[in-house]
Amino acid sequence: MKLIGAILIIVATTWFGFEAAKKLSERPRQLRQLKVALQSLEAEIMYGHSSLSEACNHISKQFEKPLSVFFSRFARRLSEGETFVSSAWKESLDSIWNKTAFGQGEYEVLRQFGETLGQHDREHQQKHIRLTLIHLEREENDAVEKQGRYEKMVKNLGFLTGLLIVILLM
């Protein structure tokens, strides 16, 4: 019975370590997807001459969750007649935030971008998108650095924590 309990403890803590490491590896991937999505938004606005809701609807079909959900909710809020683009952006961002691997830095960058969205002509909007992309590039570099530094350690720490608990209980 003790052996089964020890194995369960080690498996549970190891699983926890792998889940924490997964979040570290998901963050750079989701940031790359977000950057591509914003570049697609820029192209839709600049060259497709699409409305913001149409552009976001197209983008939502090109990406996987959670970005697809974010852009589809944002497009739906705009097409339902949301009075302010910035509030529709923030509400959509808040609704999917806990499903992402993003950090607080990304939240601030996206929130600030949402404040400028739809308030300028195409050229100024393009400048805001490019500025946001620069900020997201910085966040991605930070995420890749953290992933390289901590991913393996977190996995090992999960296993070793379970081993320590088992040793202390025996």
N, C-alpha and C. Protein backbone atom coordinates (compact mmCIF):
# COMPACT_ATOMS: atom_id res chain seq x y z
N MET A 1 0.82 -1.19 0.00
CA MET A 1 0.00 0.00 0.00
C MET A 1 0.88 1.27 0.00
N LYS A 2 1.95 1.21 0.80
CA LYS A 2 2.86 2.36 0.84
C LYS A 2 3.51 2.60 -0.52
N LEU A 3 3.83 1.52 -1.20
CA LEU A 3 4.47 1.62 -2.51
C LEU A 3 3.54 2.29 -3.52
N ILE A 4 2.28 1.93 -3.50
CA ILE A 4 1.30 2.53 -4.42
C ILE A 4 1.13 4.01 -4.10
N GLY A 5 1.05 4.36 -2.81
CA GLY A 5 0.95 5.76 -2.41
C GLY A 5 2.18 6.55 -2.83
N ALA A 6 3.37 5.96 -2.67
CA ALA A 6 4.61 6.64 -3.05
C ALA A 6 4.64 6.89 -4.56
N ILE A 7 4.21 5.89 -5.33
CA ILE A 7 4.20 6.03 -6.78
C ILE A 7 3.21 7.12 -7.19
N LEU A 8 2.04 7.15 -6.55
CA LEU A 8 1.05 8.18 -6.87
C LEU A 8 1.56 9.58 -6.55
N ILE A 9 2.24 9.72 -5.44
CA ILE A 9 2.80 11.03 -5.07
C ILE A 9 3.83 11.47 -6.10
N ILE A 10 4.72 10.57 -6.48
CA ILE A 10 5.77 10.92 -7.45
C ILE A 10 5.15 11.25 -8.81
N VAL A 11 4.15 10.46 -9.22
CA VAL A 11 3.50 10.72 -10.51
C VAL A 11 2.79 12.07 -10.48
N ALA A 12 2.10 12.37 -9.39
CA ALA A 12 1.36 13.64 -9.29
C ALA A 12 2.29 14.85 -9.32
N THR A 13 3.38 14.80 -8.56
CA THR A 13 4.28 15.95 -8.54
C THR A 13 5.05 16.08 -9.85
N THR A 14 5.37 14.95 -10.47
CA THR A 14 6.04 14.99 -11.77
C THR A 14 5.11 15.59 -12.82
N TRP A 15 3.85 15.18 -12.77
CA TRP A 15 2.86 15.74 -13.70
C TRP A 15 2.73 17.24 -13.50
N PHE A 16 2.71 17.67 -12.24
CA PHE A 16 2.63 19.11 -11.94
C PHE A 16 3.84 19.84 -12.52
N GLY A 17 5.03 19.27 -12.40
CA GLY A 17 6.23 19.88 -12.96
C GLY A 17 6.16 19.99 -14.48
N PHE A 18 5.64 18.95 -15.13
CA PHE A 18 5.52 18.98 -16.58
C PHE A 18 4.47 20.00 -17.03
N GLU A 19 3.41 20.16 -16.28
CA GLU A 19 2.39 21.16 -16.62
C GLU A 19 2.95 22.58 -16.48
N ALA A 20 3.75 22.80 -15.44
CA ALA A 20 4.37 24.11 -15.28
C ALA A 20 5.36 24.37 -16.41
N ALA A 21 6.10 23.34 -16.82
CA ALA A 21 7.04 23.49 -17.94
C ALA A 21 6.30 23.71 -19.25
N LYS A 22 5.12 23.12 -19.38
CA LYS A 22 4.32 23.30 -20.60
C LYS A 22 3.93 24.77 -20.77
N LYS A 23 3.59 25.42 -19.66
CA LYS A 23 3.24 26.83 -19.73
C LYS A 23 4.44 27.66 -20.19
N LEU A 24 5.63 27.28 -19.72
CA LEU A 24 6.83 27.98 -20.15
C LEU A 24 7.10 27.80 -21.65
N SER A 25 6.78 26.64 -22.20
CA SER A 25 7.02 26.41 -23.62
C SER A 25 5.88 26.95 -24.49
N GLU A 26 4.69 27.07 -23.92
CA GLU A 26 3.54 27.60 -24.68
C GLU A 26 3.64 29.10 -24.89
N ARG A 27 4.21 29.80 -23.94
CA ARG A 27 4.26 31.26 -24.02
C ARG A 27 4.97 31.75 -25.29
N PRO A 28 6.18 31.28 -25.61
CA PRO A 28 6.81 31.77 -26.86
C PRO A 28 6.02 31.40 -28.10
N ARG A 29 5.43 30.20 -28.12
CA ARG A 29 4.65 29.77 -29.28
C ARG A 29 3.42 30.66 -29.47
N GLN A 30 2.72 30.94 -28.38
CA GLN A 30 1.54 31.80 -28.47
C GLN A 30 1.92 33.23 -28.83
N LEU A 31 3.06 33.69 -28.36
CA LEU A 31 3.52 35.04 -28.74
C LEU A 31 3.82 35.12 -30.23
N ARG A 32 4.44 34.08 -30.78
CA ARG A 32 4.70 34.07 -32.23
C ARG A 32 3.39 34.09 -32.99
N GLN A 33 2.42 33.31 -32.55
CA GLN A 33 1.11 33.30 -33.21
C GLN A 33 0.45 34.67 -33.12
N LEU A 34 0.55 35.31 -31.96
CA LEU A 34 -0.05 36.62 -31.78
C LEU A 34 0.59 37.64 -32.71
N LYS A 35 1.90 37.57 -32.85
CA LYS A 35 2.59 38.49 -33.76
C LYS A 35 2.12 38.29 -35.20
N VAL A 36 1.98 37.04 -35.60
CA VAL A 36 1.50 36.76 -36.96
C VAL A 36 0.07 37.25 -37.12
N ALA A 37 -0.74 37.09 -36.08
CA ALA A 37 -2.13 37.55 -36.14
C ALA A 37 -2.19 39.07 -36.29
N LEU A 38 -1.34 39.78 -35.57
CA LEU A 38 -1.32 41.24 -35.69
C LEU A 38 -0.80 41.69 -37.06
N GLN A 39 0.15 40.93 -37.61
CA GLN A 39 0.61 41.23 -38.96
C GLN A 39 -0.51 40.99 -39.98
N SER A 40 -1.30 39.95 -39.74
CA SER A 40 -2.45 39.69 -40.61
C SER A 40 -3.48 40.81 -40.48
N LEU A 41 -3.69 41.29 -39.27
CA LEU A 41 -4.60 42.40 -39.04
C LEU A 41 -4.11 43.64 -39.78
N GLU A 42 -2.82 43.88 -39.72
CA GLU A 42 -2.24 45.01 -40.44
C GLU A 42 -2.48 44.88 -41.94
N ALA A 43 -2.26 43.69 -42.49
CA ALA A 43 -2.47 43.47 -43.92
C ALA A 43 -3.94 43.64 -44.29
N GLU A 44 -4.84 43.13 -43.45
CA GLU A 44 -6.29 43.27 -43.73
C GLU A 44 -6.70 44.74 -43.73
N ILE A 45 -6.16 45.50 -42.80
CA ILE A 45 -6.51 46.91 -42.69
C ILE A 45 -5.90 47.72 -43.83
N MET A 46 -4.62 47.49 -44.08
CA MET A 46 -3.90 48.30 -45.06
C MET A 46 -4.23 47.93 -46.50
N TYR A 47 -4.29 46.65 -46.80
CA TYR A 47 -4.39 46.23 -48.19
C TYR A 47 -5.75 45.63 -48.54
N GLY A 48 -6.41 45.04 -47.55
CA GLY A 48 -7.71 44.46 -47.81
C GLY A 48 -8.84 45.45 -47.67
N HIS A 49 -8.54 46.59 -47.05
CA HIS A 49 -9.53 47.64 -46.80
C HIS A 49 -10.78 47.07 -46.12
N SER A 50 -10.56 46.09 -45.25
CA SER A 50 -11.67 45.46 -44.52
C SER A 50 -12.00 46.29 -43.29
N SER A 51 -13.23 46.16 -42.85
CA SER A 51 -13.58 46.76 -41.57
C SER A 51 -12.90 45.95 -40.47
N LEU A 52 -12.83 46.53 -39.31
CA LEU A 52 -12.15 45.88 -38.21
C LEU A 52 -12.83 44.56 -37.83
N SER A 53 -14.14 44.53 -37.83
CA SER A 53 -14.84 43.29 -37.47
C SER A 53 -14.64 42.21 -38.54
N GLU A 54 -14.66 42.59 -39.81
CA GLU A 54 -14.41 41.62 -40.89
C GLU A 54 -12.99 41.08 -40.81
N ALA A 55 -12.03 41.97 -40.59
CA ALA A 55 -10.63 41.56 -40.51
C ALA A 55 -10.42 40.59 -39.36
N CYS A 56 -11.00 40.89 -38.20
CA CYS A 56 -10.85 40.01 -37.04
C CYS A 56 -11.57 38.68 -37.24
N ASN A 57 -12.66 38.71 -37.96
CA ASN A 57 -13.36 37.47 -38.29
C ASN A 57 -12.50 36.58 -39.17
N HIS A 58 -11.84 37.16 -40.16
CA HIS A 58 -10.93 36.39 -41.03
C HIS A 58 -9.77 35.83 -40.22
N ILE A 59 -9.22 36.65 -39.34
CA ILE A 59 -8.07 36.22 -38.55
C ILE A 59 -8.46 35.09 -37.61
N SER A 60 -9.65 35.14 -37.06
CA SER A 60 -10.08 34.10 -36.12
C SER A 60 -10.13 32.73 -36.77
N LYS A 61 -10.33 32.69 -38.07
CA LYS A 61 -10.41 31.41 -38.79
C LYS A 61 -9.03 30.87 -39.15
N GLN A 62 -8.00 31.69 -39.02
CA GLN A 62 -6.66 31.28 -39.41
C GLN A 62 -5.83 30.70 -38.27
N PHE A 63 -6.27 30.91 -37.04
CA PHE A 63 -5.45 30.51 -35.90
C PHE A 63 -6.20 29.53 -35.00
N GLU A 64 -5.44 28.90 -34.13
CA GLU A 64 -6.06 27.97 -33.18
C GLU A 64 -6.33 28.69 -31.87
N LYS A 65 -7.01 27.99 -30.97
CA LYS A 65 -7.34 28.56 -29.67
C LYS A 65 -6.07 28.88 -28.91
N PRO A 66 -6.03 29.85 -28.11
CA PRO A 66 -7.04 30.79 -27.66
C PRO A 66 -7.17 32.04 -28.54
N LEU A 67 -6.24 32.22 -29.50
CA LEU A 67 -6.29 33.42 -30.34
C LEU A 67 -7.53 33.45 -31.22
N SER A 68 -7.94 32.31 -31.73
CA SER A 68 -9.13 32.29 -32.58
C SER A 68 -10.36 32.73 -31.79
N VAL A 69 -10.45 32.28 -30.55
CA VAL A 69 -11.58 32.66 -29.70
C VAL A 69 -11.54 34.16 -29.41
N PHE A 70 -10.35 34.68 -29.15
CA PHE A 70 -10.21 36.10 -28.87
C PHE A 70 -10.69 36.95 -30.05
N PHE A 71 -10.18 36.66 -31.24
CA PHE A 71 -10.53 37.49 -32.39
C PHE A 71 -12.00 37.31 -32.79
N SER A 72 -12.54 36.11 -32.63
CA SER A 72 -13.96 35.93 -32.97
C SER A 72 -14.86 36.66 -31.97
N ARG A 73 -14.50 36.64 -30.68
CA ARG A 73 -15.29 37.40 -29.70
C ARG A 73 -15.20 38.89 -29.95
N PHE A 74 -14.01 39.34 -30.28
CA PHE A 74 -13.84 40.77 -30.57
C PHE A 74 -14.66 41.17 -31.79
N ALA A 75 -14.61 40.37 -32.84
CA ALA A 75 -15.40 40.67 -34.05
C ALA A 75 -16.89 40.64 -33.75
N ARG A 76 -17.31 39.68 -32.94
CA ARG A 76 -18.73 39.59 -32.59
C ARG A 76 -19.17 40.81 -31.79
N ARG A 77 -18.35 41.24 -30.85
CA ARG A 77 -18.70 42.43 -30.06
C ARG A 77 -18.81 43.66 -30.95
N LEU A 78 -17.90 43.76 -31.90
CA LEU A 78 -17.96 44.91 -32.82
C LEU A 78 -19.18 44.86 -33.71
N SER A 79 -19.50 43.68 -34.22
CA SER A 79 -20.66 43.59 -35.13
C SER A 79 -21.98 43.72 -34.38
N GLU A 80 -21.99 43.44 -33.07
CA GLU A 80 -23.20 43.62 -32.26
C GLU A 80 -23.41 45.08 -31.89
N GLY A 81 -22.47 45.92 -32.27
CA GLY A 81 -22.64 47.35 -32.03
C GLY A 81 -22.04 47.85 -30.74
N GLU A 82 -20.95 47.23 -30.31
CA GLU A 82 -20.23 47.72 -29.12
C GLU A 82 -19.85 49.17 -29.39
N THR A 83 -20.10 50.04 -28.44
CA THR A 83 -19.91 51.47 -28.67
C THR A 83 -18.44 51.85 -28.79
N PHE A 84 -17.59 51.25 -27.99
CA PHE A 84 -16.18 51.60 -28.03
C PHE A 84 -15.34 50.39 -28.43
N VAL A 85 -14.47 50.58 -29.39
CA VAL A 85 -13.60 49.50 -29.83
C VAL A 85 -12.69 49.08 -28.69
N SER A 86 -12.19 50.05 -27.93
CA SER A 86 -11.27 49.72 -26.84
C SER A 86 -11.93 48.87 -25.77
N SER A 87 -13.19 49.13 -25.45
CA SER A 87 -13.85 48.31 -24.43
C SER A 87 -14.16 46.91 -24.97
N ALA A 88 -14.50 46.79 -26.25
CA ALA A 88 -14.71 45.48 -26.85
C ALA A 88 -13.41 44.67 -26.85
N TRP A 89 -12.30 45.34 -27.15
CA TRP A 89 -10.99 44.69 -27.15
C TRP A 89 -10.65 44.21 -25.74
N LYS A 90 -10.81 45.08 -24.75
CA LYS A 90 -10.45 44.73 -23.38
C LYS A 90 -11.34 43.60 -22.85
N GLU A 91 -12.62 43.66 -23.11
CA GLU A 91 -13.52 42.59 -22.65
C GLU A 91 -13.17 41.26 -23.30
N SER A 92 -12.86 41.28 -24.58
CA SER A 92 -12.47 40.05 -25.28
C SER A 92 -11.15 39.52 -24.73
N LEU A 93 -10.24 40.43 -24.45
CA LEU A 93 -8.94 40.04 -23.90
C LEU A 93 -9.11 39.43 -22.51
N ASP A 94 -9.92 40.06 -21.69
CA ASP A 94 -10.14 39.55 -20.33
C ASP A 94 -10.84 38.19 -20.34
N SER A 95 -11.71 37.97 -21.32
CA SER A 95 -12.47 36.72 -21.34
C SER A 95 -11.61 35.50 -21.66
N ILE A 96 -10.52 35.68 -22.39
CA ILE A 96 -9.69 34.53 -22.74
C ILE A 96 -8.35 34.52 -22.01
N TRP A 97 -8.09 35.51 -21.19
CA TRP A 97 -6.76 35.67 -20.62
C TRP A 97 -6.30 34.46 -19.82
N ASN A 98 -7.18 33.86 -19.02
CA ASN A 98 -6.75 32.73 -18.19
C ASN A 98 -6.53 31.46 -19.01
N LYS A 99 -6.87 31.46 -20.28
CA LYS A 99 -6.65 30.31 -21.16
C LYS A 99 -5.34 30.44 -21.93
N THR A 100 -4.64 31.54 -21.75
CA THR A 100 -3.38 31.76 -22.45
C THR A 100 -2.20 31.51 -21.52
N ALA A 101 -1.03 31.48 -22.11
CA ALA A 101 0.21 31.34 -21.33
C ALA A 101 0.92 32.68 -21.21
N PHE A 102 0.24 33.76 -21.59
CA PHE A 102 0.86 35.08 -21.58
C PHE A 102 1.09 35.58 -20.16
N GLY A 103 2.04 36.50 -20.06
CA GLY A 103 2.35 37.12 -18.78
C GLY A 103 1.75 38.51 -18.68
N GLN A 104 2.05 39.18 -17.59
CA GLN A 104 1.51 40.50 -17.35
C GLN A 104 2.02 41.53 -18.37
N GLY A 105 3.25 41.36 -18.82
CA GLY A 105 3.81 42.27 -19.82
C GLY A 105 3.01 42.26 -21.12
N GLU A 106 2.64 41.05 -21.56
CA GLU A 106 1.84 40.95 -22.78
C GLU A 106 0.46 41.57 -22.59
N TYR A 107 -0.10 41.39 -21.40
CA TYR A 107 -1.42 41.97 -21.13
C TYR A 107 -1.37 43.49 -21.28
N GLU A 108 -0.35 44.10 -20.71
CA GLU A 108 -0.23 45.56 -20.78
C GLU A 108 -0.03 46.03 -22.23
N VAL A 109 0.80 45.32 -22.98
CA VAL A 109 1.04 45.69 -24.38
C VAL A 109 -0.26 45.59 -25.17
N LEU A 110 -0.99 44.49 -24.99
CA LEU A 110 -2.25 44.30 -25.73
C LEU A 110 -3.33 45.27 -25.28
N ARG A 111 -3.38 45.56 -23.99
CA ARG A 111 -4.38 46.50 -23.50
C ARG A 111 -4.12 47.89 -24.07
N GLN A 112 -2.85 48.31 -24.08
CA GLN A 112 -2.51 49.62 -24.63
C GLN A 112 -2.78 49.67 -26.13
N PHE A 113 -2.52 48.57 -26.83
CA PHE A 113 -2.82 48.52 -28.25
C PHE A 113 -4.32 48.66 -28.48
N GLY A 114 -5.11 48.02 -27.66
CA GLY A 114 -6.57 48.10 -27.78
C GLY A 114 -7.09 49.51 -27.58
N GLU A 115 -6.38 50.30 -26.77
CA GLU A 115 -6.79 51.69 -26.55
C GLU A 115 -6.64 52.52 -27.83
N THR A 116 -5.69 52.16 -28.68
CA THR A 116 -5.46 52.93 -29.91
C THR A 116 -6.20 52.38 -31.11
N LEU A 117 -6.73 51.18 -30.98
CA LEU A 117 -7.34 50.49 -32.12
C LEU A 117 -8.60 51.21 -32.58
N GLY A 118 -8.66 51.47 -33.86
CA GLY A 118 -9.84 52.09 -34.46
C GLY A 118 -9.96 53.58 -34.26
N GLN A 119 -8.96 54.23 -33.68
CA GLN A 119 -9.04 55.67 -33.42
C GLN A 119 -8.25 56.51 -34.42
N HIS A 120 -7.52 55.86 -35.29
CA HIS A 120 -6.65 56.60 -36.20
C HIS A 120 -6.90 56.16 -37.64
N ASP A 121 -6.29 56.91 -38.56
CA ASP A 121 -6.36 56.49 -39.95
C ASP A 121 -5.45 55.28 -40.16
N ARG A 122 -5.46 54.74 -41.36
CA ARG A 122 -4.74 53.49 -41.63
C ARG A 122 -3.24 53.60 -41.37
N GLU A 123 -2.64 54.69 -41.76
CA GLU A 123 -1.19 54.83 -41.61
C GLU A 123 -0.79 54.87 -40.13
N HIS A 124 -1.54 55.64 -39.34
CA HIS A 124 -1.23 55.69 -37.91
C HIS A 124 -1.54 54.35 -37.23
N GLN A 125 -2.58 53.69 -37.69
CA GLN A 125 -2.90 52.39 -37.13
C GLN A 125 -1.79 51.39 -37.43
N GLN A 126 -1.22 51.49 -38.62
CA GLN A 126 -0.11 50.63 -38.99
C GLN A 126 1.09 50.88 -38.07
N LYS A 127 1.34 52.13 -37.75
CA LYS A 127 2.45 52.46 -36.84
C LYS A 127 2.21 51.87 -35.46
N HIS A 128 0.96 51.92 -34.98
CA HIS A 128 0.65 51.34 -33.68
C HIS A 128 0.80 49.82 -33.69
N ILE A 129 0.42 49.20 -34.79
CA ILE A 129 0.59 47.75 -34.89
C ILE A 129 2.06 47.39 -34.88
N ARG A 130 2.85 48.13 -35.61
CA ARG A 130 4.29 47.84 -35.65
C ARG A 130 4.96 48.09 -34.30
N LEU A 131 4.53 49.11 -33.60
CA LEU A 131 5.05 49.35 -32.25
C LEU A 131 4.68 48.21 -31.32
N THR A 132 3.46 47.74 -31.43
CA THR A 132 3.02 46.61 -30.62
C THR A 132 3.84 45.37 -30.96
N LEU A 133 4.13 45.16 -32.23
CA LEU A 133 4.94 44.02 -32.64
C LEU A 133 6.34 44.09 -32.06
N ILE A 134 6.89 45.29 -31.98
CA ILE A 134 8.22 45.46 -31.39
C ILE A 134 8.18 45.10 -29.90
N HIS A 135 7.15 45.55 -29.21
CA HIS A 135 7.01 45.21 -27.79
C HIS A 135 6.82 43.70 -27.60
N LEU A 136 6.03 43.09 -28.47
CA LEU A 136 5.81 41.64 -28.36
C LEU A 136 7.07 40.86 -28.69
N GLU A 137 7.89 41.39 -29.57
CA GLU A 137 9.18 40.76 -29.88
C GLU A 137 10.06 40.73 -28.63
N ARG A 138 10.07 41.83 -27.92
CA ARG A 138 10.83 41.90 -26.66
C ARG A 138 10.30 40.88 -25.66
N GLU A 139 8.98 40.79 -25.54
CA GLU A 139 8.37 39.83 -24.62
C GLU A 139 8.67 38.39 -25.06
N GLU A 140 8.68 38.15 -26.37
CA GLU A 140 9.00 36.81 -26.86
C GLU A 140 10.43 36.42 -26.53
N ASN A 141 11.36 37.36 -26.70
CA ASN A 141 12.75 37.09 -26.35
C ASN A 141 12.88 36.75 -24.88
N ASP A 142 12.16 37.47 -24.04
CA ASP A 142 12.16 37.19 -22.61
C ASP A 142 11.57 35.80 -22.34
N ALA A 143 10.50 35.45 -23.04
CA ALA A 143 9.85 34.15 -22.84
C ALA A 143 10.77 33.00 -23.27
N VAL A 144 11.47 33.17 -24.38
CA VAL A 144 12.39 32.14 -24.85
C VAL A 144 13.54 31.97 -23.86
N GLU A 145 14.02 33.09 -23.32
CA GLU A 145 15.10 33.03 -22.34
C GLU A 145 14.64 32.29 -21.07
N LYS A 146 13.44 32.63 -20.59
CA LYS A 146 12.92 31.96 -19.41
C LYS A 146 12.67 30.48 -19.67
N GLN A 147 12.18 30.16 -20.86
CA GLN A 147 11.95 28.76 -21.20
C GLN A 147 13.26 27.98 -21.17
N GLY A 148 14.29 28.53 -21.78
CA GLY A 148 15.59 27.86 -21.79
C GLY A 148 16.18 27.71 -20.41
N ARG A 149 15.96 28.69 -19.58
CA ARG A 149 16.54 28.69 -18.25
C ARG A 149 15.79 27.79 -17.27
N TYR A 150 14.47 27.79 -17.34
CA TYR A 150 13.68 27.16 -16.29
C TYR A 150 12.92 25.89 -16.66
N GLU A 151 12.74 25.60 -17.94
CA GLU A 151 11.86 24.49 -18.32
C GLU A 151 12.35 23.15 -17.77
N LYS A 152 13.60 22.83 -18.00
CA LYS A 152 14.14 21.55 -17.53
C LYS A 152 14.17 21.51 -16.00
N MET A 153 14.49 22.65 -15.39
CA MET A 153 14.56 22.70 -13.94
C MET A 153 13.20 22.43 -13.31
N VAL A 154 12.13 23.00 -13.90
CA VAL A 154 10.79 22.82 -13.35
C VAL A 154 10.36 21.36 -13.46
N LYS A 155 10.67 20.73 -14.58
CA LYS A 155 10.35 19.31 -14.73
C LYS A 155 11.04 18.47 -13.66
N ASN A 156 12.34 18.71 -13.50
CA ASN A 156 13.10 17.96 -12.49
C ASN A 156 12.63 18.27 -11.08
N LEU A 157 12.28 19.51 -10.85
CA LEU A 157 11.82 19.91 -9.53
C LEU A 157 10.53 19.20 -9.15
N GLY A 158 9.64 19.00 -10.11
CA GLY A 158 8.41 18.27 -9.84
C GLY A 158 8.70 16.85 -9.38
N PHE A 159 9.57 16.17 -10.11
CA PHE A 159 9.93 14.79 -9.73
C PHE A 159 10.64 14.76 -8.39
N LEU A 160 11.61 15.64 -8.20
CA LEU A 160 12.38 15.63 -6.95
C LEU A 160 11.54 16.01 -5.74
N THR A 161 10.55 16.87 -5.93
CA THR A 161 9.65 17.21 -4.83
C THR A 161 8.86 15.99 -4.41
N GLY A 162 8.37 15.25 -5.39
CA GLY A 162 7.64 14.01 -5.07
C GLY A 162 8.53 13.03 -4.36
N LEU A 163 9.75 12.89 -4.80
CA LEU A 163 10.70 11.99 -4.15
C LEU A 163 10.97 12.42 -2.72
N LEU A 164 11.12 13.71 -2.49
CA LEU A 164 11.35 14.22 -1.14
C LEU A 164 10.16 13.93 -0.24
N ILE A 165 8.97 14.14 -0.75
CA ILE A 165 7.77 13.87 0.06
C ILE A 165 7.70 12.39 0.43
N VAL A 166 7.98 11.53 -0.53
CA VAL A 166 7.96 10.09 -0.26
C VAL A 166 8.99 9.70 0.79
N ILE A 167 10.19 10.26 0.67
CA ILE A 167 11.25 9.96 1.65
C ILE A 167 10.87 10.44 3.04
N LEU A 168 10.27 11.64 3.11
CA LEU A 168 9.86 12.17 4.41
C LEU A 168 8.73 11.38 5.03
N LEU A 169 7.85 10.82 4.22
CA LEU A 169 6.71 10.05 4.75
C LEU A 169 7.09 8.62 5.12
N MET A 170 8.19 8.13 4.61
CA MET A 170 8.57 6.74 4.90
C MET A 170 9.30 6.66 6.20
